């Protein structure tokens, strides 16, 4: 009877140890998953910022003539798709510029902000 009781206690302790081990593994993997999700979200944000920056450089900075309505609409949608109030605010400053000098200054600020966003999101 004592031998059965000892075996029973050993089995319970092994099961308890197994539960603790698998519980620790579960929380460890859950933490890894959260980190991976954060990394994926960061990558998506960086891709959106880079996509907008590429579009802006190609369609605005390299433009030979005035930017057409369709391109402006595409740029507006792209900047709103970033879902970043700071960038959107700087974009608004750029499109509301009254003079060419002011527009050039706002373009510099916008590009600097875009690069800083990519750099800070790493």
C-alpha atoms as a PDB file:
ATOM      1  CA  UNK A   1       0.000   0.000   0.000  1.00  0.00           C
ATOM      2  CA  UNK A   2       2.848   2.404   0.871  1.00  0.00           C
ATOM      3  CA  UNK A   3       4.554   1.550  -2.436  1.00  0.00           C
ATOM      4  CA  UNK A   4       1.355   2.401  -4.366  1.00  0.00           C
ATOM      5  CA  UNK A   5       1.020   5.663  -2.471  1.00  0.00           C
ATOM      6  CA  UNK A   6       4.643   6.570  -3.269  1.00  0.00           C
ATOM      7  CA  UNK A   7       4.177   5.759  -6.969  1.00  0.00           C
ATOM      8  CA  UNK A   8       0.949   7.789  -6.988  1.00  0.00           C
ATOM      9  CA  UNK A   9       2.734  10.810  -5.411  1.00  0.00           C
ATOM     10  CA  UNK A  10       5.609  10.505  -7.904  1.00  0.00           C
ATOM     11  CA  UNK A  11       3.148  10.428 -10.816  1.00  0.00           C
ATOM     12  CA  UNK A  12       1.327  13.503  -9.455  1.00  0.00           C
ATOM     13  CA  UNK A  13       4.635  15.349  -9.006  1.00  0.00           C
ATOM     14  CA  UNK A  14       5.706  14.456 -12.559  1.00  0.00           C
ATOM     15  CA  UNK A  15       2.367  15.658 -13.931  1.00  0.00           C
ATOM     16  CA  UNK A  16       2.645  18.853 -11.901  1.00  0.00           C
ATOM     17  CA  UNK A  17       6.212  19.417 -13.156  1.00  0.00           C
ATOM     18  CA  UNK A  18       5.009  18.819 -16.713  1.00  0.00           C
ATOM     19  CA  UNK A  19       2.210  21.357 -16.277  1.00  0.00           C
ATOM     20  CA  UNK A  20       4.662  23.922 -14.936  1.00  0.00           C
ATOM     21  CA  UNK A  21       7.096  23.262 -17.791  1.00  0.00           C
ATOM     22  CA  UNK A  22       4.430  23.521 -20.492  1.00  0.00           C
ATOM     23  CA  UNK A  23       2.914  26.579 -18.816  1.00  0.00           C
ATOM     24  CA  UNK A  24       6.271  28.333 -18.919  1.00  0.00           C
ATOM     25  CA  UNK A  25       6.740  27.335 -22.563  1.00  0.00           C
ATOM     26  CA  UNK A  26       3.257  28.647 -23.386  1.00  0.00           C
ATOM     27  CA  UNK A  27       3.929  32.081 -21.876  1.00  0.00           C
ATOM     28  CA  UNK A  28       7.351  32.214 -23.501  1.00  0.00           C
ATOM     29  CA  UNK A  29       5.879  31.466 -26.920  1.00  0.00           C
ATOM     30  CA  UNK A  30       3.066  33.954 -26.334  1.00  0.00           C
ATOM     31  CA  UNK A  31       5.693  36.641 -25.644  1.00  0.00           C
ATOM     32  CA  UNK A  32       7.536  35.660 -28.836  1.00  0.00           C
ATOM     33  CA  UNK A  33       4.279  35.885 -30.774  1.00  0.00           C
ATOM     34  CA  UNK A  34       3.582  39.401 -29.455  1.00  0.00           C
ATOM     35  CA  UNK A  35       7.105  40.463 -30.443  1.00  0.00           C
ATOM     36  CA  UNK A  36       6.647  38.984 -33.916  1.00  0.00           C
ATOM     37  CA  UNK A  37       3.308  40.771 -34.318  1.00  0.00           C
ATOM     38  CA  UNK A  38       4.916  44.076 -33.280  1.00  0.00           C
ATOM     39  CA  UNK A  39       7.753  43.505 -35.731  1.00  0.00           C
ATOM     40  CA  UNK A  40       5.292  42.726 -38.520  1.00  0.00           C
ATOM     41  CA  UNK A  41       3.291  45.877 -37.775  1.00  0.00           C
ATOM     42  CA  UNK A  42       6.509  47.911 -37.829  1.00  0.00           C
ATOM     43  CA  UNK A  43       7.469  46.385 -41.161  1.00  0.00           C
ATOM     44  CA  UNK A  44       4.053  47.196 -42.629  1.00  0.00           C
ATOM     45  CA  UNK A  45       4.297  50.792 -41.409  1.00  0.00           C
ATOM     46  CA  UNK A  46       7.793  51.172 -42.852  1.00  0.00           C
ATOM     47  CA  UNK A  47       6.611  49.781 -46.186  1.00  0.00           C
ATOM     48  CA  UNK A  48       3.726  52.267 -46.280  1.00  0.00           C
ATOM     49  CA  UNK A  49       6.052  55.174 -45.483  1.00  0.00           C
ATOM     50  CA  UNK A  50       8.553  54.036 -48.118  1.00  0.00           C
ATOM     51  CA  UNK A  51       5.781  53.564 -50.688  1.00  0.00           C
ATOM     52  CA  UNK A  52       4.487  57.084 -50.074  1.00  0.00           C
ATOM     53  CA  UNK A  53       8.030  58.520 -50.134  1.00  0.00           C
ATOM     54  CA  UNK A  54       8.790  56.805 -53.438  1.00  0.00           C
ATOM     55  CA  UNK A  55       5.508  58.017 -54.924  1.00  0.00           C
ATOM     56  CA  UNK A  56       6.135  61.556 -53.662  1.00  0.00           C
ATOM     57  CA  UNK A  57       9.662  61.700 -55.043  1.00  0.00           C
ATOM     58  CA  UNK A  58       8.673  60.183 -58.382  1.00  0.00           C
ATOM     59  CA  UNK A  59       5.499  62.191 -58.953  1.00  0.00           C
ATOM     60  CA  UNK A  60       6.277  65.515 -57.259  1.00  0.00           C
ATOM     61  CA  UNK A  61      10.000  66.102 -56.952  1.00  0.00           C
ATOM     62  CA  UNK A  62      10.840  64.669 -60.365  1.00  0.00           C
ATOM     63  CA  UNK A  63       7.800  66.194 -62.075  1.00  0.00           C
ATOM     64  CA  UNK A  64       8.539  68.233 -65.169  1.00  0.00           C
ATOM     65  CA  UNK A  65       5.148  69.949 -65.111  1.00  0.00           C
ATOM     66  CA  UNK A  66       2.404  70.700 -62.631  1.00  0.00           C
ATOM     67  CA  UNK A  67       1.120  67.640 -60.777  1.00  0.00           C
ATOM     68  CA  UNK A  68      -2.245  66.524 -62.176  1.00  0.00           C
ATOM     69  CA  UNK A  69      -5.400  65.893 -60.152  1.00  0.00           C
ATOM     70  CA  UNK A  70      -5.177  62.099 -60.332  1.00  0.00           C
ATOM     71  CA  UNK A  71      -1.634  62.137 -58.963  1.00  0.00           C
ATOM     72  CA  UNK A  72      -2.629  64.532 -56.184  1.00  0.00           C
ATOM     73  CA  UNK A  73      -5.481  62.229 -55.268  1.00  0.00           C
ATOM     74  CA  UNK A  74      -3.161  59.222 -55.263  1.00  0.00           C
ATOM     75  CA  UNK A  75      -0.703  61.065 -53.013  1.00  0.00           C
ATOM     76  CA  UNK A  76      -3.476  62.220 -50.684  1.00  0.00           C
ATOM     77  CA  UNK A  77      -4.774  58.654 -50.338  1.00  0.00           C
ATOM     78  CA  UNK A  78      -1.274  57.325 -49.754  1.00  0.00           C
ATOM     79  CA  UNK A  79      -0.524  59.857 -47.013  1.00  0.00           C
ATOM     80  CA  UNK A  80      -3.857  59.163 -45.308  1.00  0.00           C
ATOM     81  CA  UNK A  81      -3.180  55.419 -45.573  1.00  0.00           C
ATOM     82  CA  UNK A  82      -0.132  55.958 -43.347  1.00  0.00           C
ATOM     83  CA  UNK A  83      -2.532  56.728 -40.484  1.00  0.00           C
ATOM     84  CA  UNK A  84       0.013  59.086 -38.935  1.00  0.00           C
ATOM     85  CA  UNK A  85      -1.293  62.453 -37.779  1.00  0.00           C
ATOM     86  CA  UNK A  86       2.152  64.032 -37.683  1.00  0.00           C
ATOM     87  CA  UNK A  87       2.933  63.168 -41.302  1.00  0.00           C
ATOM     88  CA  UNK A  88      -0.580  64.164 -42.376  1.00  0.00           C
ATOM     89  CA  UNK A  89      -0.125  67.523 -40.646  1.00  0.00           C
ATOM     90  CA  UNK A  90       3.166  68.126 -42.427  1.00  0.00           C
ATOM     91  CA  UNK A  91       1.549  67.088 -45.711  1.00  0.00           C
ATOM     92  CA  UNK A  92      -1.194  69.666 -45.112  1.00  0.00           C
ATOM     93  CA  UNK A  93       1.449  72.352 -44.521  1.00  0.00           C
ATOM     94  CA  UNK A  94       3.070  71.414 -47.806  1.00  0.00           C
ATOM     95  CA  UNK A  95      -0.098  71.486 -49.898  1.00  0.00           C
ATOM     96  CA  UNK A  96      -1.255  74.727 -48.262  1.00  0.00           C
ATOM     97  CA  UNK A  97       2.015  76.517 -49.050  1.00  0.00           C
ATOM     98  CA  UNK A  98       1.489  79.962 -50.579  1.00  0.00           C
ATOM     99  CA  UNK A  99       4.921  80.494 -52.102  1.00  0.00           C
ATOM    100  CA  UNK A 100       7.455  78.289 -53.838  1.00  0.00           C
ATOM    101  CA  UNK A 101      10.017  78.969 -51.104  1.00  0.00           C
ATOM    102  CA  UNK A 102       7.530  77.936 -48.432  1.00  0.00           C
ATOM    103  CA  UNK A 103       6.646  74.794 -50.417  1.00  0.00           C
ATOM    104  CA  UNK A 104      10.325  73.882 -50.737  1.00  0.00           C
ATOM    105  CA  UNK A 105      10.819  74.300 -46.998  1.00  0.00           C
ATOM    106  CA  UNK A 106       7.771  72.138 -46.250  1.00  0.00           C
ATOM    107  CA  UNK A 107       8.995  69.465 -48.693  1.00  0.00           C
ATOM    108  CA  UNK A 108      12.300  69.329 -46.823  1.00  0.00           C
ATOM    109  CA  UNK A 109      10.427  69.029 -43.527  1.00  0.00           C
ATOM    110  CA  UNK A 110       8.153  66.314 -44.939  1.00  0.00           C
ATOM    111  CA  UNK A 111      11.027  64.244 -46.307  1.00  0.00           C
ATOM    112  CA  UNK A 112      12.963  64.602 -43.069  1.00  0.00           C
ATOM    113  CA  UNK A 113       9.907  63.493 -41.120  1.00  0.00           C
ATOM    114  CA  UNK A 114       9.395  60.468 -43.384  1.00  0.00           C
ATOM    115  CA  UNK A 115      12.998  59.363 -42.983  1.00  0.00           C
ATOM    116  CA  UNK A 116      12.829  59.885 -39.222  1.00  0.00           C
ATOM    117  CA  UNK A 117       9.637  57.789 -39.040  1.00  0.00           C
ATOM    118  CA  UNK A 118      11.327  54.901 -40.806  1.00  0.00           C
ATOM    119  CA  UNK A 119      14.413  55.231 -38.641  1.00  0.00           C
ATOM    120  CA  UNK A 120      12.505  55.482 -35.359  1.00  0.00           C
ATOM    121  CA  UNK A 121      10.139  52.565 -36.087  1.00  0.00           C
ATOM    122  CA  UNK A 122      12.935  49.999 -36.493  1.00  0.00           C
END
